[in-house]
């Protein structure tokens, strides 16, 4: 299953490579987001075809890319301004959306396991969402300090919490 992890990273590698190659102008971001979101859709399609559970964190990143591409394509410049200004917060918001939707509308839920005790799963989701809301607030407050502070730190915290809660549910 190592090929799945490599496959998940391809849209982001291409996005970063495209922007690095063409510069960080708005037009480069538009093309990069369209390319990255197209590749994200291909990756999701491949995982659905092979009946592989899609990693929820990557799925939220894919949704964020697709949202950015749709904003560029529909020329929603007012919303796009906030998307670009608060891109870290946007990613954390899509993670919260994915957490809620996958818990209530998929068999394996946000924690990617199937349990008969849905109450425990929803309780763990509530813990995750409380920390996610704190991470969103952190991201909004620390937005001017760069992506490492406003996105990567909360993202790493949420990823670690996800693993802890998932392991707790498995036991």
C-alpha atoms as a PDB file:
ATOM      1  CA  UNK A   1       0.000   0.000   0.000  1.00  0.00           C
ATOM      2  CA  UNK A   2       3.015   2.301  -0.168  1.00  0.00           C
ATOM      3  CA  UNK A   3       1.953   3.305  -3.669  1.00  0.00           C
ATOM      4  CA  UNK A   4      -1.169   4.925  -2.156  1.00  0.00           C
ATOM      5  CA  UNK A   5       0.964   7.232   0.006  1.00  0.00           C
ATOM      6  CA  UNK A   6       3.049   8.199  -3.011  1.00  0.00           C
ATOM      7  CA  UNK A   7      -0.098   8.681  -5.092  1.00  0.00           C
ATOM      8  CA  UNK A   8      -1.584  10.971  -2.401  1.00  0.00           C
ATOM      9  CA  UNK A   9       1.432  13.287  -2.567  1.00  0.00           C
ATOM     10  CA  UNK A  10       1.509  13.728  -6.355  1.00  0.00           C
ATOM     11  CA  UNK A  11      -1.048  16.606  -6.599  1.00  0.00           C
ATOM     12  CA  UNK A  12       0.840  18.646  -3.990  1.00  0.00           C
ATOM     13  CA  UNK A  13       4.234  17.895  -5.491  1.00  0.00           C
ATOM     14  CA  UNK A  14       2.980  19.038  -8.903  1.00  0.00           C
ATOM     15  CA  UNK A  15       1.379  22.142  -7.360  1.00  0.00           C
ATOM     16  CA  UNK A  16       4.595  23.196  -5.611  1.00  0.00           C
ATOM     17  CA  UNK A  17       6.739  22.337  -8.643  1.00  0.00           C
ATOM     18  CA  UNK A  18       4.475  24.341 -10.958  1.00  0.00           C
ATOM     19  CA  UNK A  19       4.502  27.420  -8.729  1.00  0.00           C
ATOM     20  CA  UNK A  20       8.267  27.114  -8.192  1.00  0.00           C
ATOM     21  CA  UNK A  21       8.868  26.835 -11.924  1.00  0.00           C
ATOM     22  CA  UNK A  22       6.515  29.654 -12.999  1.00  0.00           C
ATOM     23  CA  UNK A  23       6.775  32.015 -10.019  1.00  0.00           C
ATOM     24  CA  UNK A  24       4.163  32.959  -7.456  1.00  0.00           C
ATOM     25  CA  UNK A  25       2.081  35.338  -9.596  1.00  0.00           C
ATOM     26  CA  UNK A  26      -1.703  35.055  -9.381  1.00  0.00           C
ATOM     27  CA  UNK A  27      -1.903  33.457 -12.826  1.00  0.00           C
ATOM     28  CA  UNK A  28       0.600  30.783 -11.735  1.00  0.00           C
ATOM     29  CA  UNK A  29      -1.521  30.001  -8.691  1.00  0.00           C
ATOM     30  CA  UNK A  30      -4.632  29.779 -10.823  1.00  0.00           C
ATOM     31  CA  UNK A  31      -3.053  27.302 -13.222  1.00  0.00           C
ATOM     32  CA  UNK A  32      -1.362  25.420 -10.375  1.00  0.00           C
ATOM     33  CA  UNK A  33      -4.621  25.063  -8.447  1.00  0.00           C
ATOM     34  CA  UNK A  34      -6.479  23.902 -11.541  1.00  0.00           C
ATOM     35  CA  UNK A  35      -3.747  21.355 -12.277  1.00  0.00           C
ATOM     36  CA  UNK A  36      -3.510  20.256  -8.624  1.00  0.00           C
ATOM     37  CA  UNK A  37      -7.269  19.902  -8.259  1.00  0.00           C
ATOM     38  CA  UNK A  38      -7.486  17.936 -11.521  1.00  0.00           C
ATOM     39  CA  UNK A  39      -4.803  15.565 -10.265  1.00  0.00           C
ATOM     40  CA  UNK A  40      -6.619  15.363  -6.915  1.00  0.00           C
ATOM     41  CA  UNK A  41      -9.767  14.227  -8.711  1.00  0.00           C
ATOM     42  CA  UNK A  42      -7.731  11.601 -10.577  1.00  0.00           C
ATOM     43  CA  UNK A  43      -6.184  10.360  -7.304  1.00  0.00           C
ATOM     44  CA  UNK A  44      -9.618  10.168  -5.657  1.00  0.00           C
ATOM     45  CA  UNK A  45     -10.945   8.284  -8.689  1.00  0.00           C
ATOM     46  CA  UNK A  46      -8.077   5.778  -8.576  1.00  0.00           C
ATOM     47  CA  UNK A  47      -8.615   5.162  -4.858  1.00  0.00           C
ATOM     48  CA  UNK A  48     -12.338   4.688  -5.387  1.00  0.00           C
ATOM     49  CA  UNK A  49     -11.670   2.306  -8.270  1.00  0.00           C
ATOM     50  CA  UNK A  50      -9.348   0.161  -6.127  1.00  0.00           C
ATOM     51  CA  UNK A  51     -11.765   0.431  -3.172  1.00  0.00           C
ATOM     52  CA  UNK A  52      -9.143   2.011  -0.912  1.00  0.00           C
ATOM     53  CA  UNK A  53     -10.222   4.153   2.034  1.00  0.00           C
ATOM     54  CA  UNK A  54      -9.174   7.697   1.193  1.00  0.00           C
ATOM     55  CA  UNK A  55      -6.969   9.300   3.825  1.00  0.00           C
ATOM     56  CA  UNK A  56      -9.165  11.936   5.434  1.00  0.00           C
ATOM     57  CA  UNK A  57      -6.366  14.476   5.837  1.00  0.00           C
ATOM     58  CA  UNK A  58      -5.391  14.234   2.177  1.00  0.00           C
ATOM     59  CA  UNK A  59      -9.065  14.355   1.216  1.00  0.00           C
ATOM     60  CA  UNK A  60      -9.465  17.670   3.057  1.00  0.00           C
ATOM     61  CA  UNK A  61      -6.412  19.011   1.217  1.00  0.00           C
ATOM     62  CA  UNK A  62      -7.908  17.835  -2.075  1.00  0.00           C
ATOM     63  CA  UNK A  63     -11.153  19.648  -1.272  1.00  0.00           C
ATOM     64  CA  UNK A  64      -9.213  22.791  -0.478  1.00  0.00           C
ATOM     65  CA  UNK A  65      -7.422  22.597  -3.840  1.00  0.00           C
ATOM     66  CA  UNK A  66     -10.680  21.955  -5.678  1.00  0.00           C
ATOM     67  CA  UNK A  67     -12.304  24.893  -3.864  1.00  0.00           C
ATOM     68  CA  UNK A  68      -9.474  27.216  -4.900  1.00  0.00           C
ATOM     69  CA  UNK A  69      -9.649  26.047  -8.500  1.00  0.00           C
ATOM     70  CA  UNK A  70     -13.422  26.517  -8.579  1.00  0.00           C
ATOM     71  CA  UNK A  71     -13.050  30.035  -7.176  1.00  0.00           C
ATOM     72  CA  UNK A  72     -10.551  30.902  -9.920  1.00  0.00           C
ATOM     73  CA  UNK A  73     -12.689  29.311 -12.644  1.00  0.00           C
ATOM     74  CA  UNK A  74     -15.863  31.086 -11.518  1.00  0.00           C
ATOM     75  CA  UNK A  75     -13.927  34.339 -11.087  1.00  0.00           C
ATOM     76  CA  UNK A  76     -15.218  34.823  -7.541  1.00  0.00           C
ATOM     77  CA  UNK A  77     -12.536  37.365  -6.757  1.00  0.00           C
ATOM     78  CA  UNK A  78     -14.128  38.622  -3.536  1.00  0.00           C
ATOM     79  CA  UNK A  79     -14.217  35.114  -2.011  1.00  0.00           C
ATOM     80  CA  UNK A  80     -10.879  34.267  -3.616  1.00  0.00           C
ATOM     81  CA  UNK A  81      -9.253  37.150  -1.721  1.00  0.00           C
ATOM     82  CA  UNK A  82     -10.243  35.503   1.580  1.00  0.00           C
ATOM     83  CA  UNK A  83      -9.282  32.069   0.288  1.00  0.00           C
ATOM     84  CA  UNK A  84      -5.769  33.295  -0.508  1.00  0.00           C
ATOM     85  CA  UNK A  85      -5.429  35.435   2.606  1.00  0.00           C
ATOM     86  CA  UNK A  86      -6.603  32.695   4.958  1.00  0.00           C
ATOM     87  CA  UNK A  87      -5.481  29.597   3.044  1.00  0.00           C
ATOM     88  CA  UNK A  88      -4.344  27.831   6.226  1.00  0.00           C
ATOM     89  CA  UNK A  89      -7.701  28.444   7.851  1.00  0.00           C
ATOM     90  CA  UNK A  90      -9.466  27.249   4.712  1.00  0.00           C
ATOM     91  CA  UNK A  91      -7.614  23.934   4.884  1.00  0.00           C
ATOM     92  CA  UNK A  92      -8.511  23.499   8.559  1.00  0.00           C
ATOM     93  CA  UNK A  93     -12.157  24.311   7.777  1.00  0.00           C
ATOM     94  CA  UNK A  94     -12.231  21.671   5.053  1.00  0.00           C
ATOM     95  CA  UNK A  95     -10.730  19.212   7.551  1.00  0.00           C
ATOM     96  CA  UNK A  96     -13.606  19.932   9.957  1.00  0.00           C
ATOM     97  CA  UNK A  97     -16.104  19.507   7.110  1.00  0.00           C
ATOM     98  CA  UNK A  98     -14.531  16.197   6.062  1.00  0.00           C
ATOM     99  CA  UNK A  99     -14.533  15.014   9.691  1.00  0.00           C
ATOM    100  CA  UNK A 100     -18.239  15.717  10.111  1.00  0.00           C
ATOM    101  CA  UNK A 101     -19.327  14.363   6.719  1.00  0.00           C
ATOM    102  CA  UNK A 102     -17.276  11.171   6.852  1.00  0.00           C
ATOM    103  CA  UNK A 103     -18.410  10.367  10.388  1.00  0.00           C
ATOM    104  CA  UNK A 104     -22.069  10.627   9.537  1.00  0.00           C
ATOM    105  CA  UNK A 105     -22.132   9.446   5.920  1.00  0.00           C
ATOM    106  CA  UNK A 106     -19.506   6.695   5.576  1.00  0.00           C
ATOM    107  CA  UNK A 107     -19.125   3.254   7.151  1.00  0.00           C
ATOM    108  CA  UNK A 108     -15.513   3.747   8.192  1.00  0.00           C
ATOM    109  CA  UNK A 109     -16.027   7.296   9.481  1.00  0.00           C
ATOM    110  CA  UNK A 110     -13.385   9.945   9.987  1.00  0.00           C
ATOM    111  CA  UNK A 111     -11.112   7.602  11.897  1.00  0.00           C
ATOM    112  CA  UNK A 112     -11.107   5.116   8.996  1.00  0.00           C
ATOM    113  CA  UNK A 113     -12.281   2.159  11.101  1.00  0.00           C
ATOM    114  CA  UNK A 114     -15.609   0.383  11.339  1.00  0.00           C
ATOM    115  CA  UNK A 115     -17.014   0.124  14.863  1.00  0.00           C
ATOM    116  CA  UNK A 116     -20.414  -0.938  16.052  1.00  0.00           C
ATOM    117  CA  UNK A 117     -20.247   1.531  18.968  1.00  0.00           C
ATOM    118  CA  UNK A 118     -21.075   4.757  17.116  1.00  0.00           C
ATOM    119  CA  UNK A 119     -21.335   6.641  20.412  1.00  0.00           C
ATOM    120  CA  UNK A 120     -17.594   6.234  21.076  1.00  0.00           C
ATOM    121  CA  UNK A 121     -16.801   7.343  17.550  1.00  0.00           C
ATOM    122  CA  UNK A 122     -18.962  10.462  17.834  1.00  0.00           C
ATOM    123  CA  UNK A 123     -17.428  11.290  21.223  1.00  0.00           C
ATOM    124  CA  UNK A 124     -13.945  11.043  19.713  1.00  0.00           C
ATOM    125  CA  UNK A 125     -15.084  13.185  16.789  1.00  0.00           C
ATOM    126  CA  UNK A 126     -16.343  15.801  19.235  1.00  0.00           C
ATOM    127  CA  UNK A 127     -12.931  15.880  20.926  1.00  0.00           C
ATOM    128  CA  UNK A 128     -11.272  16.224  17.534  1.00  0.00           C
ATOM    129  CA  UNK A 129     -13.622  19.020  16.434  1.00  0.00           C
ATOM    130  CA  UNK A 130     -13.055  20.987  19.652  1.00  0.00           C
ATOM    131  CA  UNK A 131      -9.309  20.934  19.007  1.00  0.00           C
ATOM    132  CA  UNK A 132      -9.959  21.688  15.320  1.00  0.00           C
ATOM    133  CA  UNK A 133     -11.952  24.802  16.246  1.00  0.00           C
ATOM    134  CA  UNK A 134      -9.061  25.897  18.482  1.00  0.00           C
ATOM    135  CA  UNK A 135      -6.690  25.263  15.563  1.00  0.00           C
ATOM    136  CA  UNK A 136      -8.891  27.370  13.263  1.00  0.00           C
ATOM    137  CA  UNK A 137      -8.862  30.241  15.756  1.00  0.00           C
ATOM    138  CA  UNK A 138      -5.073  29.856  16.098  1.00  0.00           C
ATOM    139  CA  UNK A 139      -4.735  29.956  12.319  1.00  0.00           C
ATOM    140  CA  UNK A 140      -6.826  33.124  12.076  1.00  0.00           C
ATOM    141  CA  UNK A 141      -4.869  34.881  14.809  1.00  0.00           C
ATOM    142  CA  UNK A 142      -1.439  33.745  13.592  1.00  0.00           C
ATOM    143  CA  UNK A 143      -2.153  34.214   9.876  1.00  0.00           C
ATOM    144  CA  UNK A 144       0.350  37.044   9.485  1.00  0.00           C
ATOM    145  CA  UNK A 145       3.216  34.910  10.849  1.00  0.00           C
ATOM    146  CA  UNK A 146       3.358  32.576   7.839  1.00  0.00           C
ATOM    147  CA  UNK A 147       2.222  29.078   6.904  1.00  0.00           C
ATOM    148  CA  UNK A 148       4.492  27.220   9.323  1.00  0.00           C
ATOM    149  CA  UNK A 149       2.935  28.909  12.348  1.00  0.00           C
ATOM    150  CA  UNK A 150      -0.622  29.316  11.049  1.00  0.00           C
ATOM    151  CA  UNK A 151      -1.101  25.956   9.304  1.00  0.00           C
ATOM    152  CA  UNK A 152       1.662  23.397   9.752  1.00  0.00           C
ATOM    153  CA  UNK A 153       1.761  23.519  13.555  1.00  0.00           C
ATOM    154  CA  UNK A 154      -2.015  23.050  13.984  1.00  0.00           C
ATOM    155  CA  UNK A 155      -2.031  20.490  11.153  1.00  0.00           C
ATOM    156  CA  UNK A 156       0.652  18.412  12.906  1.00  0.00           C
ATOM    157  CA  UNK A 157      -1.250  18.672  16.195  1.00  0.00           C
ATOM    158  CA  UNK A 158      -4.495  17.548  14.560  1.00  0.00           C
ATOM    159  CA  UNK A 159      -2.762  14.707  12.737  1.00  0.00           C
ATOM    160  CA  UNK A 160      -1.245  13.498  16.016  1.00  0.00           C
ATOM    161  CA  UNK A 161      -4.597  13.792  17.803  1.00  0.00           C
ATOM    162  CA  UNK A 162      -6.262  11.863  14.972  1.00  0.00           C
ATOM    163  CA  UNK A 163      -3.786   9.006  15.434  1.00  0.00           C
ATOM    164  CA  UNK A 164      -4.221   9.010  19.224  1.00  0.00           C
ATOM    165  CA  UNK A 165      -8.024   8.966  19.018  1.00  0.00           C
ATOM    166  CA  UNK A 166      -7.984   6.312  16.302  1.00  0.00           C
ATOM    167  CA  UNK A 167      -5.688   4.055  18.347  1.00  0.00           C
ATOM    168  CA  UNK A 168      -7.899   4.604  21.393  1.00  0.00           C
ATOM    169  CA  UNK A 169     -10.952   3.532  19.407  1.00  0.00           C
ATOM    170  CA  UNK A 170      -9.249   0.432  18.053  1.00  0.00           C
ATOM    171  CA  UNK A 171      -8.461  -0.846  21.556  1.00  0.00           C
END
